[in-house]
């Protein structure tokens, strides 16, 4: 089968896709701050899919990293979260008996939108504000703001550790 490289006119390096993930993350944070749920849902999907697929671009330019341990999905919880959110959003169901999920099982237990009432004394006239959070099977809970920050940081660390530009 012949490979077809269609997107090189748009992106040419893993760092280009990481820059897109940063933009998607900034949009997600802005949408939550604006309390715009439809916009936040779109931004969360875009961020998770882009951040997870940085790995595909990394493997394409550095195939030697595919079998190297530790694997980034095992090394960085944030990247595993993006994988789970991206795949659940694209496929509706995570099939843990197939492919990478056999080696790297899902880490996300649930995704919640929680409502925190604003005290009237602090914010008069402001009702309840919602936040988006990822509940991990291991017990930790990430806000989407934390997820964006940690994901970008973790990819940068991985790039530096492996000499990726």
Foldseek 3Di string as FASTA:
>chain_A
DDDDDDCCVPPPALVSLLVVLLVLLVQLVVCLVVLPVVSNVVSLLSNLQSLLCSVVRVCVVPVVLPPDPPNLVVVAVLNLQSVVSNCCVVPVDDDCVDDPSVVVPRFFDDKDWDWDADPCVVPPPDGIGIWIWTATPVGDIGTSNRSSVRSSVSVVVVCVVVVGD
